[in-house]
Amino acid sequence: MKLVIAIIQPEKLTDVKQALSDAKVGKMTVSNVIGCGSQGGHTESYRGAFAEVNLLDKVRFEIAVNDDFVKPAVDAIVKGARTGKIGDGKIFVVPLEECIRVRTGETGEEAIG
């Protein structure tokens, strides 16, 4: 079992959700987050004052998958999120020690579904 975490551009949310659906990956958690990476940030002007904005809006996906769904999930995220420009995002794949479905008490791969 793995936890796939992806940080993407907000405007690519719909494309990534559709790509994941096409890959038969339908269970996910999505959060609005802020952060910065290689993209850095930008300068904004508000009422004549300039401010450096280095924490940008992003969307974070967290998807628990069984091992055979890792590659389809990652490929779907890349397909939906890639623009070829800086700031497209990052994907992290980390081991998932345990998963428990609260409603039934199922554990492990059965709990992920």
Protein backbone atom coordinates (compact mmCIF):
# COMPACT_ATOMS: atom_id res chain seq x y z
CA MET A 1 0.00 0.00 0.00
CA LYS A 2 1.17 3.50 -0.84
CA LEU A 3 0.05 7.05 -0.21
CA VAL A 4 0.31 9.19 -3.33
CA ILE A 5 0.52 12.89 -2.52
CA ALA A 6 0.38 15.40 -5.36
CA ILE A 7 0.67 19.17 -5.27
CA ILE A 8 -0.68 20.77 -8.46
CA GLN A 9 -1.89 24.05 -9.94
CA PRO A 10 -5.50 24.87 -8.91
CA GLU A 11 -6.64 25.31 -12.49
CA LYS A 12 -5.66 21.69 -13.25
CA LEU A 13 -7.95 20.22 -10.57
CA THR A 14 -10.71 19.20 -12.99
CA ASP A 15 -8.24 17.69 -15.48
CA VAL A 16 -6.51 15.62 -12.79
CA LYS A 17 -9.82 14.41 -11.33
CA GLN A 18 -10.95 13.33 -14.81
CA ALA A 19 -7.64 11.57 -15.55
CA LEU A 20 -7.84 9.73 -12.20
CA SER A 21 -11.43 8.71 -12.93
CA ASP A 22 -10.37 7.40 -16.36
CA ALA A 23 -7.64 5.35 -14.59
CA LYS A 24 -10.28 3.87 -12.23
CA VAL A 25 -8.86 5.74 -9.23
CA GLY A 26 -11.84 7.33 -7.52
CA LYS A 27 -11.06 7.62 -3.83
CA MET A 28 -9.11 10.72 -2.90
CA THR A 29 -8.84 13.64 -0.53
CA VAL A 30 -8.35 17.10 -2.05
CA SER A 31 -7.27 20.20 -0.11
CA ASN A 32 -6.51 23.81 -0.96
CA VAL A 33 -3.01 24.63 0.26
CA ILE A 34 -0.39 27.34 -0.16
CA GLY A 35 3.30 26.85 -0.75
CA CYS A 36 6.30 27.58 -2.89
CA GLY A 37 8.88 25.61 -4.79
CA SER A 38 11.00 26.35 -7.83
CA GLN A 39 8.29 28.68 -9.08
CA GLY A 40 9.28 31.08 -6.31
CA GLY A 41 6.55 33.67 -6.37
CA HIS A 42 5.72 37.01 -7.89
CA THR A 43 5.37 40.68 -7.07
CA GLU A 44 1.92 42.26 -6.76
CA SER A 45 0.90 45.88 -6.56
CA TYR A 46 -1.97 46.88 -4.30
CA ARG A 47 -2.87 50.56 -4.02
CA GLY A 48 0.57 51.56 -5.17
CA ALA A 49 2.46 49.36 -2.71
CA PHE A 50 4.45 46.40 -4.02
CA ALA A 51 4.49 43.11 -2.15
CA GLU A 52 6.41 39.91 -2.79
CA VAL A 53 4.03 36.94 -2.85
CA ASN A 54 6.00 33.72 -2.39
CA LEU A 55 3.28 31.42 -1.03
CA LEU A 56 1.08 30.49 -3.96
CA ASP A 57 -2.28 28.73 -4.10
CA LYS A 58 -2.00 25.01 -4.86
CA VAL A 59 -4.19 21.91 -4.64
CA ARG A 60 -3.07 18.82 -2.70
CA PHE A 61 -4.31 15.34 -3.56
CA GLU A 62 -3.89 12.46 -1.12
CA ILE A 63 -4.71 9.06 -2.57
CA ALA A 64 -4.25 5.76 -0.73
CA VAL A 65 -3.77 2.97 -3.27
CA ASN A 66 -2.84 -0.67 -3.37
CA ASP A 67 0.53 -1.34 -4.99
CA ASP A 68 -0.93 -2.25 -8.39
CA PHE A 69 -2.63 1.17 -8.65
CA VAL A 70 0.46 3.32 -7.92
CA LYS A 71 1.64 3.65 -11.52
CA PRO A 72 -1.86 4.28 -12.99
CA ALA A 73 -2.51 6.93 -10.32
CA VAL A 74 0.83 8.69 -10.87
CA ASP A 75 0.48 8.53 -14.66
CA ALA A 76 -3.03 10.00 -14.44
CA ILE A 77 -1.87 12.88 -12.23
CA VAL A 78 0.99 13.69 -14.60
CA LYS A 79 -1.36 13.52 -17.60
CA GLY A 80 -3.90 15.84 -15.99
CA ALA A 81 -1.48 18.32 -14.38
CA ARG A 82 1.32 18.77 -16.90
CA THR A 83 1.51 22.05 -18.79
CA GLY A 84 5.26 21.95 -19.38
CA LYS A 85 5.78 25.15 -17.42
CA ILE A 86 7.47 25.76 -14.09
CA GLY A 87 5.10 25.23 -11.17
CA ASP A 88 3.26 22.17 -12.56
CA GLY A 89 3.75 20.48 -9.20
CA LYS A 90 5.24 17.46 -7.46
CA ILE A 91 4.15 13.90 -6.71
CA PHE A 92 5.33 11.99 -3.65
CA VAL A 93 4.81 8.25 -3.19
CA VAL A 94 5.27 7.08 0.39
CA PRO A 95 4.76 3.69 2.05
CA LEU A 96 1.45 3.34 3.86
CA GLU A 97 1.87 1.20 6.96
CA GLU A 98 -1.81 0.58 7.69
CA CYS A 99 -5.30 1.50 6.55
CA ILE A 100 -8.45 0.87 8.58
CA ARG A 101 -12.01 1.37 7.36
CA VAL A 102 -13.85 2.77 10.38
CA ARG A 103 -17.32 1.59 9.33
CA THR A 104 -16.43 -2.11 8.94
CA GLY A 105 -13.13 -2.54 10.75
CA GLU A 106 -11.48 -3.88 7.59
CA THR A 107 -7.74 -3.36 7.45
CA GLY A 108 -5.00 -3.28 4.83
CA GLU A 109 -5.72 -3.67 1.13
CA GLU A 110 -9.37 -4.55 1.77
CA ALA A 111 -9.88 -1.22 3.55
CA ILE A 112 -8.46 0.75 0.64
CA GLY A 113 -10.72 -1.02 -1.86
